[in-house]
Amino acid sequence: MDRNTLGLLVCPICKGELIHDRNAGELICKADRLAFPVRDGIPVMLEEEARRISLEEKDRLS
């Protein structure tokens, strides 16, 4: 996923910043504690497809 595309994307729930976790293949919203999958280079920005991240995982992202 290129930086230009990443700079345009926001969380579909709160419109907040997303963090790209390349190793996990996810875009993470710390505010909502959701991780949206990136499949075949395409971000899946649907709340029902996202996984909830733990408080510990959120803290590691800081």
Protein backbone atom coordinates (compact mmCIF):
# COMPACT_ATOMS: atom_id res chain seq x y z
CA MET A 1 0.00 0.00 0.00
CA ASP A 2 1.57 3.30 -1.02
CA ARG A 3 1.92 6.36 1.22
CA ASN A 4 -0.28 8.59 -0.94
CA THR A 5 -3.22 6.23 -0.63
CA LEU A 6 -2.63 5.74 3.08
CA GLY A 7 -2.61 9.52 3.60
CA LEU A 8 -6.11 9.76 2.10
CA LEU A 9 -7.70 7.04 4.20
CA VAL A 10 -9.39 7.67 7.55
CA CYS A 11 -11.33 5.48 9.93
CA PRO A 12 -14.86 5.03 8.55
CA ILE A 13 -16.28 5.23 12.09
CA CYS A 14 -14.62 8.29 13.67
CA LYS A 15 -12.79 9.77 10.64
CA GLY A 16 -9.55 9.53 12.66
CA GLU A 17 -6.01 8.68 11.64
CA LEU A 18 -5.08 5.14 10.69
CA ILE A 19 -1.80 3.38 11.39
CA HIS A 20 -0.56 0.93 8.76
CA ASP A 21 0.72 -2.29 10.32
CA ARG A 22 2.51 -3.88 7.38
CA ASN A 23 3.41 -7.07 9.27
CA ALA A 24 -0.20 -7.78 10.21
CA GLY A 25 -1.65 -6.41 6.94
CA GLU A 26 -4.00 -4.07 8.75
CA LEU A 27 -4.97 -0.43 9.11
CA ILE A 28 -5.48 0.37 12.77
CA CYS A 29 -7.63 3.05 14.36
CA LYS A 30 -6.40 3.58 17.92
CA ALA A 31 -9.40 5.74 18.86
CA ASP A 32 -11.94 3.00 18.07
CA ARG A 33 -9.54 0.11 18.78
CA LEU A 34 -10.30 -1.48 15.41
CA ALA A 35 -7.97 -3.13 12.90
CA PHE A 36 -9.20 -3.12 9.30
CA PRO A 37 -7.71 -5.83 7.04
CA VAL A 38 -5.78 -5.11 3.86
CA ARG A 39 -6.43 -7.90 1.36
CA ASP A 40 -4.45 -8.12 -1.87
CA GLY A 41 -3.37 -4.50 -1.32
CA ILE A 42 -6.97 -3.29 -0.93
CA PRO A 43 -8.10 -1.94 2.45
CA VAL A 44 -11.42 -3.39 3.62
CA MET A 45 -12.93 -0.44 5.49
CA LEU A 46 -16.06 -2.14 6.77
CA GLU A 47 -16.76 -2.19 10.50
CA GLU A 48 -18.07 -5.76 10.34
CA GLU A 49 -14.77 -6.91 8.76
CA ALA A 50 -12.59 -5.20 11.39
CA ARG A 51 -11.26 -6.91 14.47
CA ARG A 52 -11.25 -5.35 17.92
CA ILE A 53 -7.76 -4.75 19.32
CA SER A 54 -6.94 -5.12 23.00
CA LEU A 55 -5.85 -2.26 25.25
CA GLU A 56 -2.39 -3.85 25.47
CA GLU A 57 -2.11 -3.98 21.69
CA LYS A 58 -3.27 -0.36 21.44
CA ASP A 59 -0.61 0.71 23.95
CA ARG A 60 2.12 -1.02 21.91
CA LEU A 61 1.20 1.10 18.90
CA SER A 62 2.17 4.34 20.66
